[in-house]
PDB file of all heavy atoms in Angstrom:
ATOM      1  N   SER A   1       0.372  -0.043  -4.269  1.00  0.00           N
ATOM      2  CA  SER A   1       0.101   0.536  -5.589  1.00  0.00           C
ATOM      3  C   SER A   1       0.843  -0.232  -6.681  1.00  0.00           C
ATOM      4  O   SER A   1       0.271  -0.563  -7.730  1.00  0.00           O
ATOM      5  CB  SER A   1       0.502   2.010  -5.602  1.00  0.00           C
ATOM      6  OG  SER A   1       0.333   2.569  -6.892  1.00  0.00           O
ATOM      7  N   GLU A   2       2.125  -0.541  -6.443  1.00  0.00           N
ATOM      8  CA  GLU A   2       2.940  -1.249  -7.425  1.00  0.00           C
ATOM      9  C   GLU A   2       2.404  -2.649  -7.694  1.00  0.00           C
ATOM     10  O   GLU A   2       2.229  -3.066  -8.857  1.00  0.00           O
ATOM     11  CB  GLU A   2       4.385  -1.335  -6.921  1.00  0.00           C
ATOM     12  CG  GLU A   2       5.306  -2.243  -7.712  1.00  0.00           C
ATOM     13  CD  GLU A   2       5.875  -1.635  -8.969  1.00  0.00           C
ATOM     14  OE1 GLU A   2       5.404  -0.548  -9.343  1.00  0.00           O
ATOM     15  OE2 GLU A   2       6.774  -2.235  -9.579  1.00  0.00           O
ATOM     16  N   LEU A   3       2.145  -3.401  -6.636  1.00  0.00           N
ATOM     17  CA  LEU A   3       1.698  -4.784  -6.798  1.00  0.00           C
ATOM     18  C   LEU A   3       0.312  -4.821  -7.443  1.00  0.00           C
ATOM     19  O   LEU A   3       0.037  -5.684  -8.289  1.00  0.00           O
ATOM     20  CB  LEU A   3       1.685  -5.494  -5.445  1.00  0.00           C
ATOM     21  CG  LEU A   3       1.647  -7.021  -5.484  1.00  0.00           C
ATOM     22  CD1 LEU A   3       2.842  -7.571  -6.261  1.00  0.00           C
ATOM     23  CD2 LEU A   3       1.622  -7.600  -4.076  1.00  0.00           C
ATOM     24  N   SER A   4      -0.542  -3.891  -7.077  1.00  0.00           N
ATOM     25  CA  SER A   4      -1.874  -3.829  -7.661  1.00  0.00           C
ATOM     26  C   SER A   4      -1.808  -3.486  -9.145  1.00  0.00           C
ATOM     27  O   SER A   4      -2.469  -4.121  -9.981  1.00  0.00           O
ATOM     28  CB  SER A   4      -2.720  -2.783  -6.918  1.00  0.00           C
ATOM     29  OG  SER A   4      -3.972  -2.609  -7.555  1.00  0.00           O
ATOM     30  N   GLU A   5      -0.988  -2.502  -9.478  1.00  0.00           N
ATOM     31  CA  GLU A   5      -0.864  -2.073 -10.873  1.00  0.00           C
ATOM     32  C   GLU A   5      -0.282  -3.166 -11.754  1.00  0.00           C
ATOM     33  O   GLU A   5      -0.723  -3.381 -12.890  1.00  0.00           O
ATOM     34  CB  GLU A   5       0.027  -0.827 -10.943  1.00  0.00           C
ATOM     35  CG  GLU A   5       0.221  -0.284 -12.348  1.00  0.00           C
ATOM     36  CD  GLU A   5       1.159   0.910 -12.379  1.00  0.00           C
ATOM     37  OE1 GLU A   5       1.180   1.668 -11.385  1.00  0.00           O
ATOM     38  OE2 GLU A   5       1.877   1.071 -13.388  1.00  0.00           O
ATOM     39  N   LYS A   6       0.713  -3.896 -11.231  1.00  0.00           N
ATOM     40  CA  LYS A   6       1.401  -4.896 -12.041  1.00  0.00           C
ATOM     41  C   LYS A   6       0.639  -6.225 -12.151  1.00  0.00           C
ATOM     42  O   LYS A   6       0.856  -6.992 -13.093  1.00  0.00           O
ATOM     43  CB  LYS A   6       2.799  -5.163 -11.461  1.00  0.00           C
ATOM     44  CG  LYS A   6       3.723  -3.949 -11.508  1.00  0.00           C
ATOM     45  CD  LYS A   6       4.050  -3.537 -12.928  1.00  0.00           C
ATOM     46  CE  LYS A   6       4.917  -2.304 -13.015  1.00  0.00           C
ATOM     47  NZ  LYS A   6       6.274  -2.526 -12.485  1.00  0.00           N
ATOM     48  N   THR A   7      -0.230  -6.501 -11.197  1.00  0.00           N
ATOM     49  CA  THR A   7      -0.906  -7.803 -11.181  1.00  0.00           C
ATOM     50  C   THR A   7      -2.414  -7.738 -11.371  1.00  0.00           C
ATOM     51  O   THR A   7      -3.045  -8.767 -11.621  1.00  0.00           O
ATOM     52  CB  THR A   7      -0.651  -8.531  -9.845  1.00  0.00           C
ATOM     53  OG1 THR A   7      -1.297  -7.800  -8.785  1.00  0.00           O
ATOM     54  CG2 THR A   7       0.847  -8.646  -9.563  1.00  0.00           C
ATOM     55  N   GLY A   8      -2.986  -6.558 -11.214  1.00  0.00           N
ATOM     56  CA  GLY A   8      -4.429  -6.422 -11.325  1.00  0.00           C
ATOM     57  C   GLY A   8      -5.176  -6.720 -10.037  1.00  0.00           C
ATOM     58  O   GLY A   8      -6.411  -6.657  -9.989  1.00  0.00           O
ATOM     59  N   GLU A   9      -4.444  -7.040  -8.970  1.00  0.00           N
ATOM     60  CA  GLU A   9      -5.084  -7.313  -7.679  1.00  0.00           C
ATOM     61  C   GLU A   9      -5.649  -6.016  -7.102  1.00  0.00           C
ATOM     62  O   GLU A   9      -5.042  -4.949  -7.226  1.00  0.00           O
ATOM     63  CB  GLU A   9      -4.074  -7.915  -6.708  1.00  0.00           C
ATOM     64  CG  GLU A   9      -4.676  -8.405  -5.396  1.00  0.00           C
ATOM     65  CD  GLU A   9      -5.623  -9.578  -5.607  1.00  0.00           C
ATOM     66  OE1 GLU A   9      -5.186 -10.610  -6.151  1.00  0.00           O
ATOM     67  OE2 GLU A   9      -6.798  -9.440  -5.229  1.00  0.00           O
ATOM     68  N   LYS A  10      -6.809  -6.094  -6.484  1.00  0.00           N
ATOM     69  CA  LYS A  10      -7.407  -4.905  -5.889  1.00  0.00           C
ATOM     70  C   LYS A  10      -6.576  -4.435  -4.698  1.00  0.00           C
ATOM     71  O   LYS A  10      -6.198  -5.252  -3.851  1.00  0.00           O
ATOM     72  CB  LYS A  10      -8.836  -5.200  -5.443  1.00  0.00           C
ATOM     73  CG  LYS A  10      -9.785  -5.468  -6.612  1.00  0.00           C
ATOM     74  CD  LYS A  10     -11.196  -5.747  -6.136  1.00  0.00           C
ATOM     75  CE  LYS A  10     -12.121  -5.996  -7.324  1.00  0.00           C
ATOM     76  NZ  LYS A  10     -13.520  -6.279  -6.871  1.00  0.00           N
ATOM     77  N   PRO A  11      -6.298  -3.131  -4.624  1.00  0.00           N
ATOM     78  CA  PRO A  11      -5.442  -2.614  -3.537  1.00  0.00           C
ATOM     79  C   PRO A  11      -5.936  -2.975  -2.147  1.00  0.00           C
ATOM     80  O   PRO A  11      -5.129  -3.291  -1.265  1.00  0.00           O
ATOM     81  CB  PRO A  11      -5.467  -1.096  -3.766  1.00  0.00           C
ATOM     82  CG  PRO A  11      -5.782  -0.932  -5.213  1.00  0.00           C
ATOM     83  CD  PRO A  11      -6.704  -2.067  -5.566  1.00  0.00           C
ATOM     84  N   HIS A  12      -7.248  -2.946  -1.950  1.00  0.00           N
ATOM     85  CA  HIS A  12      -7.742  -3.208  -0.591  1.00  0.00           C
ATOM     86  C   HIS A  12      -7.525  -4.660  -0.172  1.00  0.00           C
ATOM     87  O   HIS A  12      -7.461  -4.963   1.020  1.00  0.00           O
ATOM     88  CB  HIS A  12      -9.214  -2.788  -0.447  1.00  0.00           C
ATOM     89  CG  HIS A  12     -10.196  -3.723  -1.079  1.00  0.00           C
ATOM     90  ND1 HIS A  12     -10.607  -3.603  -2.381  1.00  0.00           N
ATOM     91  CD2 HIS A  12     -10.857  -4.805  -0.573  1.00  0.00           C
ATOM     92  CE1 HIS A  12     -11.490  -4.550  -2.662  1.00  0.00           C
ATOM     93  NE2 HIS A  12     -11.655  -5.292  -1.590  1.00  0.00           N
ATOM     94  N   HIS A  13      -7.395  -5.575  -1.140  1.00  0.00           N
ATOM     95  CA  HIS A  13      -7.081  -6.958  -0.786  1.00  0.00           C
ATOM     96  C   HIS A  13      -5.677  -7.051  -0.185  1.00  0.00           C
ATOM     97  O   HIS A  13      -5.457  -7.755   0.804  1.00  0.00           O
ATOM     98  CB  HIS A  13      -7.151  -7.854  -2.025  1.00  0.00           C
ATOM     99  CG  HIS A  13      -8.529  -8.078  -2.532  1.00  0.00           C
ATOM    100  ND1 HIS A  13      -8.790  -8.715  -3.724  1.00  0.00           N
ATOM    101  CD2 HIS A  13      -9.746  -7.757  -2.003  1.00  0.00           C
ATOM    102  CE1 HIS A  13     -10.103  -8.775  -3.916  1.00  0.00           C
ATOM    103  NE2 HIS A  13     -10.701  -8.189  -2.887  1.00  0.00           N
ATOM    104  N   ILE A  14      -4.726  -6.347  -0.789  1.00  0.00           N
ATOM    105  CA  ILE A  14      -3.341  -6.363  -0.301  1.00  0.00           C
ATOM    106  C   ILE A  14      -3.258  -5.651   1.048  1.00  0.00           C
ATOM    107  O   ILE A  14      -2.595  -6.120   1.976  1.00  0.00           O
ATOM    108  CB  ILE A  14      -2.399  -5.700  -1.324  1.00  0.00           C
ATOM    109  CG1 ILE A  14      -2.546  -6.379  -2.694  1.00  0.00           C
ATOM    110  CG2 ILE A  14      -0.944  -5.766  -0.845  1.00  0.00           C
ATOM    111  CD1 ILE A  14      -1.851  -5.658  -3.823  1.00  0.00           C
ATOM    112  N   ARG A  15      -3.960  -4.526   1.154  1.00  0.00           N
ATOM    113  CA  ARG A  15      -3.951  -3.763   2.405  1.00  0.00           C
ATOM    114  C   ARG A  15      -4.555  -4.591   3.541  1.00  0.00           C
ATOM    115  O   ARG A  15      -4.031  -4.615   4.667  1.00  0.00           O
ATOM    116  CB  ARG A  15      -4.744  -2.464   2.217  1.00  0.00           C
ATOM    117  CG  ARG A  15      -4.610  -1.467   3.362  1.00  0.00           C
ATOM    118  CD  ARG A  15      -5.365  -0.177   3.066  1.00  0.00           C
ATOM    119  NE  ARG A  15      -4.903   0.454   1.827  1.00  0.00           N
ATOM    120  CZ  ARG A  15      -5.623   0.521   0.713  1.00  0.00           C
ATOM    121  NH1 ARG A  15      -6.845  -0.017   0.667  1.00  0.00           N
ATOM    122  NH2 ARG A  15      -5.143   1.107  -0.362  1.00  0.00           N
ATOM    123  N   ARG A  16      -5.636  -5.289   3.229  1.00  0.00           N
ATOM    124  CA  ARG A  16      -6.284  -6.153   4.242  1.00  0.00           C
ATOM    125  C   ARG A  16      -5.347  -7.268   4.679  1.00  0.00           C
ATOM    126  O   ARG A  16      -5.245  -7.581   5.870  1.00  0.00           O
ATOM    127  CB  ARG A  16      -7.574  -6.730   3.660  1.00  0.00           C
ATOM    128  CG  ARG A  16      -8.343  -7.667   4.598  1.00  0.00           C
ATOM    129  CD  ARG A  16      -9.544  -8.258   3.881  1.00  0.00           C
ATOM    130  NE  ARG A  16      -9.137  -9.048   2.721  1.00  0.00           N
ATOM    131  CZ  ARG A  16      -9.977  -9.434   1.759  1.00  0.00           C
ATOM    132  NH1 ARG A  16     -11.264  -9.097   1.813  1.00  0.00           N
ATOM    133  NH2 ARG A  16      -9.531 -10.147   0.741  1.00  0.00           N
ATOM    134  N   PHE A  17      -4.659  -7.875   3.716  1.00  0.00           N
ATOM    135  CA  PHE A  17      -3.725  -8.958   4.039  1.00  0.00           C
ATOM    136  C   PHE A  17      -2.618  -8.462   4.968  1.00  0.00           C
ATOM    137  O   PHE A  17      -2.283  -9.128   5.960  1.00  0.00           O
ATOM    138  CB  PHE A  17      -3.106  -9.520   2.749  1.00  0.00           C
ATOM    139  CG  PHE A  17      -2.050 -10.566   2.992  1.00  0.00           C
ATOM    140  CD1 PHE A  17      -2.396 -11.901   3.110  1.00  0.00           C
ATOM    141  CD2 PHE A  17      -0.715 -10.223   3.126  1.00  0.00           C
ATOM    142  CE1 PHE A  17      -1.423 -12.870   3.352  1.00  0.00           C
ATOM    143  CE2 PHE A  17       0.262 -11.167   3.363  1.00  0.00           C
ATOM    144  CZ  PHE A  17      -0.101 -12.503   3.475  1.00  0.00           C
ATOM    145  N   LEU A  18      -2.027  -7.306   4.663  1.00  0.00           N
ATOM    146  CA  LEU A  18      -0.945  -6.779   5.498  1.00  0.00           C
ATOM    147  C   LEU A  18      -1.454  -6.434   6.893  1.00  0.00           C
ATOM    148  O   LEU A  18      -0.726  -6.579   7.883  1.00  0.00           O
ATOM    149  CB  LEU A  18      -0.315  -5.553   4.837  1.00  0.00           C
ATOM    150  CG  LEU A  18       0.423  -5.820   3.519  1.00  0.00           C
ATOM    151  CD1 LEU A  18       1.001  -4.516   2.960  1.00  0.00           C
ATOM    152  CD2 LEU A  18       1.536  -6.842   3.714  1.00  0.00           C
ATOM    153  N   GLY A  19      -2.703  -6.007   6.977  1.00  0.00           N
ATOM    154  CA  GLY A  19      -3.295  -5.740   8.286  1.00  0.00           C
ATOM    155  C   GLY A  19      -3.448  -7.019   9.089  1.00  0.00           C
ATOM    156  O   GLY A  19      -3.176  -7.055  10.295  1.00  0.00           O
ATOM    157  N   LYS A  20      -3.864  -8.097   8.422  1.00  0.00           N
ATOM    158  CA  LYS A  20      -3.990  -9.384   9.101  1.00  0.00           C
ATOM    159  C   LYS A  20      -2.626  -9.929   9.513  1.00  0.00           C
ATOM    160  O   LYS A  20      -2.484 -10.546  10.577  1.00  0.00           O
ATOM    161  CB  LYS A  20      -4.693 -10.393   8.185  1.00  0.00           C
ATOM    162  CG  LYS A  20      -6.185 -10.133   8.008  1.00  0.00           C
ATOM    163  CD  LYS A  20      -6.821 -11.234   7.172  1.00  0.00           C
ATOM    164  CE  LYS A  20      -8.322 -11.037   7.048  1.00  0.00           C
ATOM    165  NZ  LYS A  20      -8.955 -12.114   6.243  1.00  0.00           N
ATOM    166  N   SER A  21      -1.620  -9.687   8.665  1.00  0.00           N
ATOM    167  CA  SER A  21      -0.266 -10.143   8.995  1.00  0.00           C
ATOM    168  C   SER A  21       0.236  -9.451  10.253  1.00  0.00           C
ATOM    169  O   SER A  21       0.849 -10.079  11.118  1.00  0.00           O
ATOM    170  CB  SER A  21       0.672  -9.861   7.818  1.00  0.00           C
ATOM    171  OG  SER A  21       1.955 -10.372   8.054  1.00  0.00           O
ATOM    172  N   LYS A  22      -0.040  -8.151  10.357  1.00  0.00           N
ATOM    173  CA  LYS A  22       0.351  -7.404  11.562  1.00  0.00           C
ATOM    174  C   LYS A  22      -0.410  -7.926  12.791  1.00  0.00           C
ATOM    175  O   LYS A  22       0.170  -8.087  13.876  1.00  0.00           O
ATOM    176  CB  LYS A  22       0.074  -5.913  11.392  1.00  0.00           C
ATOM    177  CG  LYS A  22       0.457  -5.076  12.624  1.00  0.00           C
ATOM    178  CD  LYS A  22       0.121  -3.619  12.422  1.00  0.00           C
ATOM    179  CE  LYS A  22       0.593  -2.782  13.627  1.00  0.00           C
ATOM    180  NZ  LYS A  22       0.029  -3.232  14.903  1.00  0.00           N
ATOM    181  N   GLU A  23      -1.690  -8.196  12.616  1.00  0.00           N
ATOM    182  CA  GLU A  23      -2.486  -8.714  13.734  1.00  0.00           C
ATOM    183  C   GLU A  23      -1.942 -10.063  14.203  1.00  0.00           C
ATOM    184  O   GLU A  23      -1.872 -10.332  15.408  1.00  0.00           O
ATOM    185  CB  GLU A  23      -3.946  -8.843  13.316  1.00  0.00           C
ATOM    186  CG  GLU A  23      -4.870  -9.262  14.458  1.00  0.00           C
ATOM    187  CD  GLU A  23      -6.323  -9.340  14.042  1.00  0.00           C
ATOM    188  OE1 GLU A  23      -6.593  -9.584  12.849  1.00  0.00           O
ATOM    189  OE2 GLU A  23      -7.194  -9.163  14.908  1.00  0.00           O
ATOM    190  N   LEU A  24      -1.543 -10.911  13.250  1.00  0.00           N
ATOM    191  CA  LEU A  24      -0.938 -12.200  13.604  1.00  0.00           C
ATOM    192  C   LEU A  24       0.321 -12.005  14.430  1.00  0.00           C
ATOM    193  O   LEU A  24       0.545 -12.702  15.427  1.00  0.00           O
ATOM    194  CB  LEU A  24      -0.607 -12.987  12.342  1.00  0.00           C
ATOM    195  CG  LEU A  24      -1.684 -13.888  11.736  1.00  0.00           C
ATOM    196  CD1 LEU A  24      -1.209 -14.450  10.400  1.00  0.00           C
ATOM    197  CD2 LEU A  24      -2.024 -15.021  12.697  1.00  0.00           C
ATOM    198  N   TYR A  25       1.152 -11.054  14.006  1.00  0.00           N
ATOM    199  CA  TYR A  25       2.394 -10.779  14.743  1.00  0.00           C
ATOM    200  C   TYR A  25       2.076 -10.287  16.149  1.00  0.00           C
ATOM    201  O   TYR A  25       2.698 -10.738  17.131  1.00  0.00           O
ATOM    202  CB  TYR A  25       3.233  -9.752  14.001  1.00  0.00           C
ATOM    203  CG  TYR A  25       4.555  -9.460  14.666  1.00  0.00           C
ATOM    204  CD1 TYR A  25       5.640 -10.309  14.490  1.00  0.00           C
ATOM    205  CD2 TYR A  25       4.713  -8.351  15.495  1.00  0.00           C
ATOM    206  CE1 TYR A  25       6.857 -10.066  15.113  1.00  0.00           C
ATOM    207  CE2 TYR A  25       5.923  -8.089  16.124  1.00  0.00           C
ATOM    208  CZ  TYR A  25       6.991  -8.946  15.925  1.00  0.00           C
ATOM    209  OH  TYR A  25       8.185  -8.699  16.560  1.00  0.00           O
ATOM    210  N   ASP A  26       1.133  -9.374  16.254  1.00  0.00           N
ATOM    211  CA  ASP A  26       0.780  -8.823  17.575  1.00  0.00           C
ATOM    212  C   ASP A  26       0.237  -9.907  18.500  1.00  0.00           C
ATOM    213  O   ASP A  26       0.476  -9.876  19.717  1.00  0.00           O
ATOM    214  CB  ASP A  26      -0.256  -7.701  17.414  1.00  0.00           C
ATOM    215  CG  ASP A  26       0.320  -6.469  16.732  1.00  0.00           C
ATOM    216  OD1 ASP A  26       1.562  -6.322  16.709  1.00  0.00           O
ATOM    217  OD2 ASP A  26      -0.472  -5.651  16.209  1.00  0.00           O
ATOM    218  N   LEU A  27      -0.483 -10.868  17.929  1.00  0.00           N
ATOM    219  CA  LEU A  27      -1.071 -11.935  18.741  1.00  0.00           C
ATOM    220  C   LEU A  27      -0.054 -13.006  19.131  1.00  0.00           C
ATOM    221  O   LEU A  27      -0.150 -13.594  20.207  1.00  0.00           O
ATOM    222  CB  LEU A  27      -2.227 -12.607  17.984  1.00  0.00           C
ATOM    223  CG  LEU A  27      -3.564 -11.874  17.940  1.00  0.00           C
ATOM    224  CD1 LEU A  27      -4.517 -12.586  16.992  1.00  0.00           C
ATOM    225  CD2 LEU A  27      -4.176 -11.786  19.335  1.00  0.00           C
ATOM    226  N   THR A  28       0.915 -13.245  18.257  1.00  0.00           N
ATOM    227  CA  THR A  28       1.776 -14.409  18.449  1.00  0.00           C
ATOM    228  C   THR A  28       3.210 -14.111  18.881  1.00  0.00           C
ATOM    229  O   THR A  28       3.869 -14.996  19.431  1.00  0.00           O
ATOM    230  CB  THR A  28       1.851 -15.239  17.149  1.00  0.00           C
ATOM    231  OG1 THR A  28       2.428 -14.427  16.107  1.00  0.00           O
ATOM    232  CG2 THR A  28       0.473 -15.709  16.724  1.00  0.00           C
ATOM    233  N   SER A  29       3.716 -12.905  18.621  1.00  0.00           N
ATOM    234  CA  SER A  29       5.150 -12.667  18.828  1.00  0.00           C
ATOM    235  C   SER A  29       5.578 -12.873  20.274  1.00  0.00           C
ATOM    236  O   SER A  29       6.600 -13.528  20.536  1.00  0.00           O
ATOM    237  CB  SER A  29       5.533 -11.258  18.356  1.00  0.00           C
ATOM    238  OG  SER A  29       4.805 -10.266  19.062  1.00  0.00           O
ATOM    239  N   ASP A  30       4.829 -12.361  21.220  1.00  0.00           N
ATOM    240  CA  ASP A  30       5.228 -12.503  22.625  1.00  0.00           C
ATOM    241  C   ASP A  30       5.095 -13.946  23.102  1.00  0.00           C
ATOM    242  O   ASP A  30       5.864 -14.403  23.950  1.00  0.00           O
ATOM    243  CB  ASP A  30       4.387 -11.583  23.512  1.00  0.00           C
ATOM    244  CG  ASP A  30       4.906 -11.552  24.944  1.00  0.00           C
ATOM    245  OD1 ASP A  30       6.086 -11.204  25.130  1.00  0.00           O
ATOM    246  OD2 ASP A  30       4.147 -11.904  25.867  1.00  0.00           O
TER     247      ASP A  30
END
């Protein structure tokens, strides 16, 4: 909410990115 409000970025873009970041961690950490 904060980053979207301050930058104009659509919230779902940030949410999607964080989801992909988690998926990367799950795939690569082990």
